[in-house]
All heavy atoms as atom14 arrays in JSON, in Angstrom:
{
  "sequence": "SETGDGFRKIEERDAPEPGGGILRWKQLAET",
  "atom14_mask": [
    [1, 1, 1, 1, 1, 1, 0, 0, 0, 0, 0, 0, 0, 0],
    [1, 1, 1, 1, 1, 1, 1, 1, 1, 0, 0, 0, 0, 0],
    [1, 1, 1, 1, 1, 1, 1, 0, 0, 0, 0, 0, 0, 0],
    [1, 1, 1, 1, 0, 0, 0, 0, 0, 0, 0, 0, 0, 0],
    [1, 1, 1, 1, 1, 1, 1, 1, 0, 0, 0, 0, 0, 0],
    [1, 1, 1, 1, 0, 0, 0, 0, 0, 0, 0, 0, 0, 0],
    [1, 1, 1, 1, 1, 1, 1, 1, 1, 1, 1, 0, 0, 0],
    [1, 1, 1, 1, 1, 1, 1, 1, 1, 1, 1, 0, 0, 0],
    [1, 1, 1, 1, 1, 1, 1, 1, 1, 0, 0, 0, 0, 0],
    [1, 1, 1, 1, 1, 1, 1, 1, 0, 0, 0, 0, 0, 0],
    [1, 1, 1, 1, 1, 1, 1, 1, 1, 0, 0, 0, 0, 0],
    [1, 1, 1, 1, 1, 1, 1, 1, 1, 0, 0, 0, 0, 0],
    [1, 1, 1, 1, 1, 1, 1, 1, 1, 1, 1, 0, 0, 0],
    [1, 1, 1, 1, 1, 1, 1, 1, 0, 0, 0, 0, 0, 0],
    [1, 1, 1, 1, 1, 0, 0, 0, 0, 0, 0, 0, 0, 0],
    [1, 1, 1, 1, 1, 1, 1, 0, 0, 0, 0, 0, 0, 0],
    [1, 1, 1, 1, 1, 1, 1, 1, 1, 0, 0, 0, 0, 0],
    [1, 1, 1, 1, 1, 1, 1, 0, 0, 0, 0, 0, 0, 0],
    [1, 1, 1, 1, 0, 0, 0, 0, 0, 0, 0, 0, 0, 0],
    [1, 1, 1, 1, 0, 0, 0, 0, 0, 0, 0, 0, 0, 0],
    [1, 1, 1, 1, 0, 0, 0, 0, 0, 0, 0, 0, 0, 0],
    [1, 1, 1, 1, 1, 1, 1, 1, 0, 0, 0, 0, 0, 0],
    [1, 1, 1, 1, 1, 1, 1, 1, 0, 0, 0, 0, 0, 0],
    [1, 1, 1, 1, 1, 1, 1, 1, 1, 1, 1, 0, 0, 0],
    [1, 1, 1, 1, 1, 1, 1, 1, 1, 1, 1, 1, 1, 1],
    [1, 1, 1, 1, 1, 1, 1, 1, 1, 0, 0, 0, 0, 0],
    [1, 1, 1, 1, 1, 1, 1, 1, 1, 0, 0, 0, 0, 0],
    [1, 1, 1, 1, 1, 1, 1, 1, 0, 0, 0, 0, 0, 0],
    [1, 1, 1, 1, 1, 0, 0, 0, 0, 0, 0, 0, 0, 0],
    [1, 1, 1, 1, 1, 1, 1, 1, 1, 0, 0, 0, 0, 0],
    [1, 1, 1, 1, 1, 1, 1, 0, 0, 0, 0, 0, 0, 0]
  ],
  "atom14_positions": [
    [[-8.16, -0.88, -8.57], [-7.79, -1.33, -9.92], [-8.83, -0.77, -10.92], [-9.95, -0.5, -10.55], [-7.8, -2.86, -9.97], [-7.53, -3.31, -11.31], [0.0, 0.0, 0.0], [0.0, 0.0, 0.0], [0.0, 0.0, 0.0], [0.0, 0.0, 0.0], [0.0, 0.0, 0.0], [0.0, 0.0, 0.0], [0.0, 0.0, 0.0], [0.0, 0.0, 0.0]],
    [[-8.39, -0.63, -12.17], [-9.32, -0.23, -13.2], [-9.92, -1.49, -13.79], [-9.31, -2.5, -14.0], [-8.58, 0.52, -14.32], [-9.53, 1.08, -15.4], [-8.79, 1.88, -16.47], [-7.62, 1.54, -16.75], [-9.4, 2.83, -16.96], [0.0, 0.0, 0.0], [0.0, 0.0, 0.0], [0.0, 0.0, 0.0], [0.0, 0.0, 0.0], [0.0, 0.0, 0.0]],
    [[-11.25, -1.4, -14.02], [-12.01, -2.54, -14.61], [-12.6, -2.08, -15.93], [-12.51, -0.89, -16.32], [-13.14, -2.99, -13.65], [-14.1, -2.0, -13.51], [-12.55, -3.36, -12.28], [0.0, 0.0, 0.0], [0.0, 0.0, 0.0], [0.0, 0.0, 0.0], [0.0, 0.0, 0.0], [0.0, 0.0, 0.0], [0.0, 0.0, 0.0], [0.0, 0.0, 0.0]],
    [[-13.31, -2.96, -16.56], [-13.92, -2.61, -17.85], [-15.0, -1.55, -17.73], [-15.24, -0.85, -18.69], [0.0, 0.0, 0.0], [0.0, 0.0, 0.0], [0.0, 0.0, 0.0], [0.0, 0.0, 0.0], [0.0, 0.0, 0.0], [0.0, 0.0, 0.0], [0.0, 0.0, 0.0], [0.0, 0.0, 0.0], [0.0, 0.0, 0.0], [0.0, 0.0, 0.0]],
    [[-15.62, -1.44, -16.58], [-16.66, -0.48, -16.43], [-16.41, 0.54, -15.29], [-17.31, 1.09, -14.67], [-18.01, -1.17, -16.13], [-17.9, -2.12, -14.9], [-16.79, -2.23, -14.37], [-18.98, -2.67, -14.53], [0.0, 0.0, 0.0], [0.0, 0.0, 0.0], [0.0, 0.0, 0.0], [0.0, 0.0, 0.0], [0.0, 0.0, 0.0], [0.0, 0.0, 0.0]],
    [[-15.13, 0.81, -14.98], [-14.79, 1.79, -13.98], [-13.64, 1.32, -13.11], [-12.66, 0.79, -13.56], [0.0, 0.0, 0.0], [0.0, 0.0, 0.0], [0.0, 0.0, 0.0], [0.0, 0.0, 0.0], [0.0, 0.0, 0.0], [0.0, 0.0, 0.0], [0.0, 0.0, 0.0], [0.0, 0.0, 0.0], [0.0, 0.0, 0.0], [0.0, 0.0, 0.0]],
    [[-13.83, 1.53, -11.77], [-12.77, 1.2, -10.82], [-13.39, 0.38, -9.7], [-14.57, 0.52, -9.34], [-12.14, 2.46, -10.24], [-11.65, 3.41, -11.28], [-12.37, 4.57, -11.61], [-10.47, 3.19, -11.98], [-11.96, 5.44, -12.57], [-10.04, 4.05, -12.95], [-10.8, 5.2, -13.25], [0.0, 0.0, 0.0], [0.0, 0.0, 0.0], [0.0, 0.0, 0.0]],
    [[-12.55, -0.44, -9.08], [-13.01, -1.21, -7.91], [-11.89, -1.37, -6.9], [-10.71, -1.46, -7.26], [-13.57, -2.57, -8.29], [-12.5, -3.57, -8.76], [-13.16, -4.87, -9.19], [-12.18, -5.82, -9.69], [-11.55, -6.71, -8.91], [-11.82, -6.76, -7.6], [-10.68, -7.56, -9.46], [0.0, 0.0, 0.0], [0.0, 0.0, 0.0], [0.0, 0.0, 0.0]],
    [[-12.29, -1.35, -5.63], [-11.32, -1.63, -4.57], [-11.15, -3.1, -4.47], [-12.1, -3.89, -4.34], [-11.79, -1.05, -3.23], [-10.78, -1.2, -2.14], [-11.33, -0.72, -0.77], [-12.25, -1.82, -0.17], [-12.6, -1.53, 1.23], [0.0, 0.0, 0.0], [0.0, 0.0, 0.0], [0.0, 0.0, 0.0], [0.0, 0.0, 0.0], [0.0, 0.0, 0.0]],
    [[-9.84, -3.56, -4.51], [-9.62, -5.0, -4.5], [-9.19, -5.51, -3.14], [-9.39, -6.67, -2.85], [-8.6, -5.42, -5.58], [-7.24, -4.74, -5.32], [-9.07, -5.09, -6.98], [-6.14, -5.29, -6.23], [0.0, 0.0, 0.0], [0.0, 0.0, 0.0], [0.0, 0.0, 0.0], [0.0, 0.0, 0.0], [0.0, 0.0, 0.0], [0.0, 0.0, 0.0]],
    [[-8.57, -4.6, -2.32], [-8.15, -5.05, -1.0], [-7.66, -3.87, -0.18], [-7.56, -2.75, -0.69], [-7.04, -6.13, -1.09], [-5.76, -5.59, -1.74], [-4.68, -6.62, -1.8], [-4.66, -7.54, -0.91], [-3.8, -6.58, -2.67], [0.0, 0.0, 0.0], [0.0, 0.0, 0.0], [0.0, 0.0, 0.0], [0.0, 0.0, 0.0], [0.0, 0.0, 0.0]],
    [[-7.33, -4.13, 1.09], [-6.62, -3.16, 1.92], [-5.31, -3.78, 2.39], [-5.27, -4.98, 2.66], [-7.47, -2.76, 3.11], [-8.68, -1.95, 2.73], [-9.33, -1.23, 3.92], [-8.72, -1.27, 5.01], [-10.42, -0.66, 3.76], [0.0, 0.0, 0.0], [0.0, 0.0, 0.0], [0.0, 0.0, 0.0], [0.0, 0.0, 0.0], [0.0, 0.0, 0.0]],
    [[-4.26, -2.98, 2.44], [-2.97, -3.42, 2.9], [-2.51, -2.59, 4.08], [-2.7, -1.36, 4.1], [-1.91, -3.35, 1.77], [-2.26, -4.22, 0.57], [-1.23, -4.12, -0.51], [-1.66, -4.79, -1.72], [-1.02, -4.74, -2.9], [0.09, -4.0, -3.0], [-1.47, -5.4, -3.95], [0.0, 0.0, 0.0], [0.0, 0.0, 0.0], [0.0, 0.0, 0.0]],
    [[-1.91, -3.24, 5.02], [-1.43, -2.58, 6.23], [-0.16, -1.75, 5.86], [0.74, -2.23, 5.14], [-1.05, -3.53, 7.33], [-2.29, -4.21, 7.89], [-3.36, -3.64, 7.82], [-2.17, -5.35, 8.41], [0.0, 0.0, 0.0], [0.0, 0.0, 0.0], [0.0, 0.0, 0.0], [0.0, 0.0, 0.0], [0.0, 0.0, 0.0], [0.0, 0.0, 0.0]],
    [[-0.12, -0.51, 6.37], [1.08, 0.27, 6.25], [2.04, -0.16, 7.37], [1.61, -0.58, 8.43], [0.75, 1.77, 6.35], [0.0, 0.0, 0.0], [0.0, 0.0, 0.0], [0.0, 0.0, 0.0], [0.0, 0.0, 0.0], [0.0, 0.0, 0.0], [0.0, 0.0, 0.0], [0.0, 0.0, 0.0], [0.0, 0.0, 0.0], [0.0, 0.0, 0.0]],
    [[3.33, 0.02, 7.16], [4.29, -0.34, 8.28], [4.03, 0.53, 9.5], [3.53, 1.67, 9.41], [5.66, 0.0, 7.66], [5.4, -0.08, 6.17], [4.03, 0.43, 5.96], [0.0, 0.0, 0.0], [0.0, 0.0, 0.0], [0.0, 0.0, 0.0], [0.0, 0.0, 0.0], [0.0, 0.0, 0.0], [0.0, 0.0, 0.0], [0.0, 0.0, 0.0]],
    [[4.37, -0.04, 10.63], [4.17, 0.71, 11.92], [5.04, 1.94, 11.92], [6.12, 1.99, 11.34], [4.59, -0.23, 13.08], [3.65, -1.39, 13.29], [2.25, -0.96, 13.79], [2.2, 0.1, 14.52], [1.25, -1.66, 13.51], [0.0, 0.0, 0.0], [0.0, 0.0, 0.0], [0.0, 0.0, 0.0], [0.0, 0.0, 0.0], [0.0, 0.0, 0.0]],
    [[4.55, 3.04, 12.62], [5.36, 4.23, 12.76], [6.67, 3.93, 13.4], [6.83, 3.0, 14.18], [4.48, 5.14, 13.6], [3.07, 4.61, 13.41], [3.22, 3.16, 13.23], [0.0, 0.0, 0.0], [0.0, 0.0, 0.0], [0.0, 0.0, 0.0], [0.0, 0.0, 0.0], [0.0, 0.0, 0.0], [0.0, 0.0, 0.0], [0.0, 0.0, 0.0]],
    [[7.63, 4.8, 13.12], [9.02, 4.59, 13.58], [9.84, 3.83, 12.58], [9.34, 3.33, 11.62], [0.0, 0.0, 0.0], [0.0, 0.0, 0.0], [0.0, 0.0, 0.0], [0.0, 0.0, 0.0], [0.0, 0.0, 0.0], [0.0, 0.0, 0.0], [0.0, 0.0, 0.0], [0.0, 0.0, 0.0], [0.0, 0.0, 0.0], [0.0, 0.0, 0.0]],
    [[11.12, 3.78, 12.85], [11.99, 3.07, 11.93], [12.6, 3.92, 10.83], [13.41, 3.42, 10.06], [0.0, 0.0, 0.0], [0.0, 0.0, 0.0], [0.0, 0.0, 0.0], [0.0, 0.0, 0.0], [0.0, 0.0, 0.0], [0.0, 0.0, 0.0], [0.0, 0.0, 0.0], [0.0, 0.0, 0.0], [0.0, 0.0, 0.0], [0.0, 0.0, 0.0]],
    [[12.22, 5.23, 10.79], [12.84, 6.12, 9.81], [12.68, 5.66, 8.38], [11.58, 5.25, 7.96], [0.0, 0.0, 0.0], [0.0, 0.0, 0.0], [0.0, 0.0, 0.0], [0.0, 0.0, 0.0], [0.0, 0.0, 0.0], [0.0, 0.0, 0.0], [0.0, 0.0, 0.0], [0.0, 0.0, 0.0], [0.0, 0.0, 0.0], [0.0, 0.0, 0.0]],
    [[13.75, 5.76, 7.64], [13.69, 5.5, 6.19], [13.31, 4.04, 5.92], [12.7, 3.73, 4.87], [15.03, 5.86, 5.55], [14.8, 6.25, 4.05], [16.03, 4.76, 5.7], [14.2, 7.58, 3.86], [0.0, 0.0, 0.0], [0.0, 0.0, 0.0], [0.0, 0.0, 0.0], [0.0, 0.0, 0.0], [0.0, 0.0, 0.0], [0.0, 0.0, 0.0]],
    [[13.63, 3.11, 6.83], [13.34, 1.72, 6.62], [11.81, 1.52, 6.49], [11.32, 0.68, 5.72], [13.86, 0.86, 7.77], [13.58, -0.63, 7.68], [14.21, -1.23, 6.42], [14.1, -1.33, 8.92], [0.0, 0.0, 0.0], [0.0, 0.0, 0.0], [0.0, 0.0, 0.0], [0.0, 0.0, 0.0], [0.0, 0.0, 0.0], [0.0, 0.0, 0.0]],
    [[11.06, 2.3, 7.27], [9.57, 2.24, 7.16], [9.08, 2.46, 5.78], [8.2, 1.73, 5.26], [8.93, 3.22, 8.16], [7.4, 3.22, 8.11], [6.88, 4.42, 8.91], [5.38, 4.39, 8.92], [4.63, 5.39, 9.35], [5.22, 6.49, 9.79], [3.32, 5.3, 9.32], [0.0, 0.0, 0.0], [0.0, 0.0, 0.0], [0.0, 0.0, 0.0]],
    [[9.68, 3.43, 5.1], [9.2, 3.78, 3.76], [9.68, 2.78, 2.7], [9.03, 2.57, 1.68], [9.52, 5.22, 3.46], [9.02, 6.14, 4.52], [9.73, 6.94, 5.34], [7.68, 6.26, 4.92], [8.91, 7.6, 6.25], [7.63, 7.19, 6.0], [6.47, 5.7, 4.49], [6.44, 7.54, 6.63], [5.29, 6.04, 5.13], [5.28, 6.96, 6.18]],
    [[10.85, 2.21, 2.95], [11.29, 1.18, 2.03], [10.4, -0.05, 2.12], [10.1, -0.73, 1.16], [12.74, 0.8, 2.34], [13.7, 1.91, 1.95], [15.15, 1.48, 2.24], [16.13, 2.56, 1.77], [17.54, 2.23, 2.1], [0.0, 0.0, 0.0], [0.0, 0.0, 0.0], [0.0, 0.0, 0.0], [0.0, 0.0, 0.0], [0.0, 0.0, 0.0]],
    [[9.91, -0.35, 3.37], [8.99, -1.44, 3.54], [7.66, -1.14, 2.84], [7.05, -2.03, 2.25], [8.78, -1.7, 5.06], [9.97, -2.27, 5.71], [9.79, -2.31, 7.28], [8.93, -1.64, 7.82], [10.61, -3.1, 7.93], [0.0, 0.0, 0.0], [0.0, 0.0, 0.0], [0.0, 0.0, 0.0], [0.0, 0.0, 0.0], [0.0, 0.0, 0.0]],
    [[7.22, 0.09, 2.96], [5.97, 0.48, 2.27], [6.11, 0.38, 0.75], [5.23, -0.1, 0.1], [5.61, 1.91, 2.66], [4.32, 2.43, 2.01], [3.12, 1.64, 2.45], [4.12, 3.92, 2.25], [0.0, 0.0, 0.0], [0.0, 0.0, 0.0], [0.0, 0.0, 0.0], [0.0, 0.0, 0.0], [0.0, 0.0, 0.0], [0.0, 0.0, 0.0]],
    [[7.27, 0.79, 0.21], [7.53, 0.67, -1.22], [7.41, -0.77, -1.66], [6.9, -1.06, -2.72], [8.85, 1.29, -1.55], [0.0, 0.0, 0.0], [0.0, 0.0, 0.0], [0.0, 0.0, 0.0], [0.0, 0.0, 0.0], [0.0, 0.0, 0.0], [0.0, 0.0, 0.0], [0.0, 0.0, 0.0], [0.0, 0.0, 0.0], [0.0, 0.0, 0.0]],
    [[7.94, -1.66, -0.87], [7.82, -3.1, -1.18], [6.41, -3.54, -1.11], [5.92, -4.32, -1.99], [8.7, -3.89, -0.19], [8.65, -5.43, -0.39], [9.13, -5.84, -1.77], [9.91, -5.09, -2.41], [8.74, -6.96, -2.21], [0.0, 0.0, 0.0], [0.0, 0.0, 0.0], [0.0, 0.0, 0.0], [0.0, 0.0, 0.0], [0.0, 0.0, 0.0]],
    [[5.63, -3.08, -0.11], [4.24, -3.43, 0.06], [3.47, -2.96, -1.2], [2.5, -3.66, -1.66], [3.63, -2.8, 1.3], [4.35, -3.34, 2.44], [2.17, -3.09, 1.45], [0.0, 0.0, 0.0], [0.0, 0.0, 0.0], [0.0, 0.0, 0.0], [0.0, 0.0, 0.0], [0.0, 0.0, 0.0], [0.0, 0.0, 0.0], [0.0, 0.0, 0.0]]
  ]
}
């Protein structure tokens, strides 16, 4: 995220597990 004095990491989010085809990327878009 951008802050008043630069940028900071706010968290880490898990990417969907490999496999699942296009559904994997729709899940990622929601994430």
